[in-house]
Every structure is written in C-alpha cells, then in structure tokens.
Amino acid sequence: MIEIYRTNDIVKLSWIQALMSDAGIECVVLDQHASIIEGSIGAIQRRIMVLEEDANQARRVLTDAGELEEQQ
C-alpha cells in the first residue's frame, strides 16, 4: 500500500475518504487508534493508504480537488 495523504483534520480525512470512494478507489486509514491513545492532540497524523496500482489515480483525484499540487 502507498500513502497518499496525511492529516490530523478528521473532517478533511472523512472528505478524502469520500473522494476516494466516489472514484472507486479503496482506501485504508492508518494510525487512527494511535492518535486516539495519545489523546488526539495531533501529535500522530492519520495516513490514507491506497493500493499501489490505484496510487496515480488517487493522486489525480486529490490534485483535482485542490489537495495536492500538480506533479510535473
């Protein structure tokens, strides 16, 4: 799996998951439990992971949504 995004913002996390779902890309959020255990103070960011074969499409979706700069 490949990390495509990292954030402490749970609203943005949910929005990005919805973007991936709408694009037909399965994703997994890692470090949710670690973030809760440390008290949700934001020290541990949650990571959105996708399959390696979906990574380019996922990055395009995030770029189109204004969450990533265009890659050259």
C-alpha atoms as a PDB file:
ATOM      1  CA  MET A   1       0.000   0.000   0.000  1.00  0.00           C
ATOM      2  CA  ILE A   2       1.064   3.565  -0.700  1.00  0.00           C
ATOM      3  CA  GLU A   3       0.461   6.624   1.474  1.00  0.00           C
ATOM      4  CA  ILE A   4      -1.312   9.335  -0.498  1.00  0.00           C
ATOM      5  CA  TYR A   5      -2.273  11.774   2.258  1.00  0.00           C
ATOM      6  CA  ARG A   6      -1.552  12.530   5.907  1.00  0.00           C
ATOM      7  CA  THR A   7      -3.582  14.782   8.195  1.00  0.00           C
ATOM      8  CA  ASN A   8      -4.806  15.444  11.723  1.00  0.00           C
ATOM      9  CA  ASP A   9      -8.004  17.053  10.435  1.00  0.00           C
ATOM     10  CA  ILE A  10     -10.786  14.474  10.888  1.00  0.00           C
ATOM     11  CA  VAL A  11     -13.177  16.438   8.653  1.00  0.00           C
ATOM     12  CA  LYS A  12     -10.637  16.501   5.810  1.00  0.00           C
ATOM     13  CA  LEU A  13      -9.908  12.829   6.447  1.00  0.00           C
ATOM     14  CA  SER A  14     -13.575  11.970   6.019  1.00  0.00           C
ATOM     15  CA  TRP A  15     -13.842  14.154   2.896  1.00  0.00           C
ATOM     16  CA  ILE A  16     -10.831  12.500   1.265  1.00  0.00           C
ATOM     17  CA  GLN A  17     -12.239   9.061   2.052  1.00  0.00           C
ATOM     18  CA  ALA A  18     -15.460  10.140   0.312  1.00  0.00           C
ATOM     19  CA  LEU A  19     -13.483  11.378  -2.709  1.00  0.00           C
ATOM     20  CA  MET A  20     -11.717   8.035  -2.961  1.00  0.00           C
ATOM     21  CA  SER A  21     -14.982   6.138  -2.619  1.00  0.00           C
ATOM     22  CA  ASP A  22     -16.641   8.242  -5.329  1.00  0.00           C
ATOM     23  CA  ALA A  23     -13.679   7.482  -7.624  1.00  0.00           C
ATOM     24  CA  GLY A  24     -13.975   3.761  -6.926  1.00  0.00           C
ATOM     25  CA  ILE A  25     -10.678   3.646  -5.035  1.00  0.00           C
ATOM     26  CA  GLU A  26     -10.485   1.612  -1.859  1.00  0.00           C
ATOM     27  CA  CYS A  27      -8.507   3.253   0.905  1.00  0.00           C
ATOM     28  CA  VAL A  28      -7.482   2.473   4.454  1.00  0.00           C
ATOM     29  CA  VAL A  29      -6.797   4.933   7.268  1.00  0.00           C
ATOM     30  CA  LEU A  30      -3.819   4.036   9.417  1.00  0.00           C
ATOM     31  CA  ASP A  31      -2.835   5.375  12.845  1.00  0.00           C
ATOM     32  CA  GLN A  32      -6.401   6.158  13.970  1.00  0.00           C
ATOM     33  CA  HIS A  33      -6.012   4.183  17.172  1.00  0.00           C
ATOM     34  CA  ALA A  34      -2.555   5.574  17.926  1.00  0.00           C
ATOM     35  CA  SER A  35      -3.936   9.078  17.507  1.00  0.00           C
ATOM     36  CA  ILE A  36      -6.764   8.346  19.960  1.00  0.00           C
ATOM     37  CA  ILE A  37      -4.420   6.744  22.504  1.00  0.00           C
ATOM     38  CA  GLU A  38      -2.124   9.776  22.530  1.00  0.00           C
ATOM     39  CA  GLY A  39      -5.131  11.899  23.418  1.00  0.00           C
ATOM     40  CA  SER A  40      -5.976  13.257  19.963  1.00  0.00           C
ATOM     41  CA  ILE A  41      -3.678  16.232  20.490  1.00  0.00           C
ATOM     42  CA  GLY A  42      -2.469  15.961  16.924  1.00  0.00           C
ATOM     43  CA  ALA A  43       0.994  14.541  17.522  1.00  0.00           C
ATOM     44  CA  ILE A  44       0.313  11.490  15.348  1.00  0.00           C
ATOM     45  CA  GLN A  45      -1.171  12.150  11.943  1.00  0.00           C
ATOM     46  CA  ARG A  46      -3.532   9.684  10.319  1.00  0.00           C
ATOM     47  CA  ARG A  47      -2.427   8.281   6.961  1.00  0.00           C
ATOM     48  CA  ILE A  48      -4.629   7.454   3.995  1.00  0.00           C
ATOM     49  CA  MET A  49      -3.296   4.458   2.114  1.00  0.00           C
ATOM     50  CA  VAL A  50      -4.324   3.005  -1.256  1.00  0.00           C
ATOM     51  CA  LEU A  51      -3.198   0.028  -3.292  1.00  0.00           C
ATOM     52  CA  GLU A  52      -0.085   0.697  -5.332  1.00  0.00           C
ATOM     53  CA  GLU A  53      -1.979   0.258  -8.602  1.00  0.00           C
ATOM     54  CA  ASP A  54      -4.513   2.938  -7.523  1.00  0.00           C
ATOM     55  CA  ALA A  55      -1.938   5.486  -6.309  1.00  0.00           C
ATOM     56  CA  ASN A  56      -1.683   7.533  -9.530  1.00  0.00           C
ATOM     57  CA  GLN A  57      -5.454   7.787  -9.905  1.00  0.00           C
ATOM     58  CA  ALA A  58      -5.813   8.690  -6.211  1.00  0.00           C
ATOM     59  CA  ARG A  59      -3.233  11.457  -6.574  1.00  0.00           C
ATOM     60  CA  ARG A  60      -5.096  12.796  -9.634  1.00  0.00           C
ATOM     61  CA  VAL A  61      -8.337  12.861  -7.616  1.00  0.00           C
ATOM     62  CA  LEU A  62      -6.593  14.786  -4.820  1.00  0.00           C
ATOM     63  CA  THR A  63      -4.968  17.164  -7.310  1.00  0.00           C
ATOM     64  CA  ASP A  64      -8.321  17.861  -8.988  1.00  0.00           C
ATOM     65  CA  ALA A  65      -9.809  18.535  -5.538  1.00  0.00           C
ATOM     66  CA  GLY A  66      -7.030  21.031  -4.767  1.00  0.00           C
ATOM     67  CA  GLU A  67      -5.430  18.919  -2.046  1.00  0.00           C
ATOM     68  CA  LEU A  68      -2.168  18.184  -3.877  1.00  0.00           C
ATOM     69  CA  GLU A  69      -0.091  20.312  -6.210  1.00  0.00           C
ATOM     70  CA  GLU A  70       0.143  19.061  -9.761  1.00  0.00           C
ATOM     71  CA  GLN A  71       3.068  16.738 -10.355  1.00  0.00           C
ATOM     72  CA  GLN A  72       5.405  17.561 -13.197  1.00  0.00           C
END
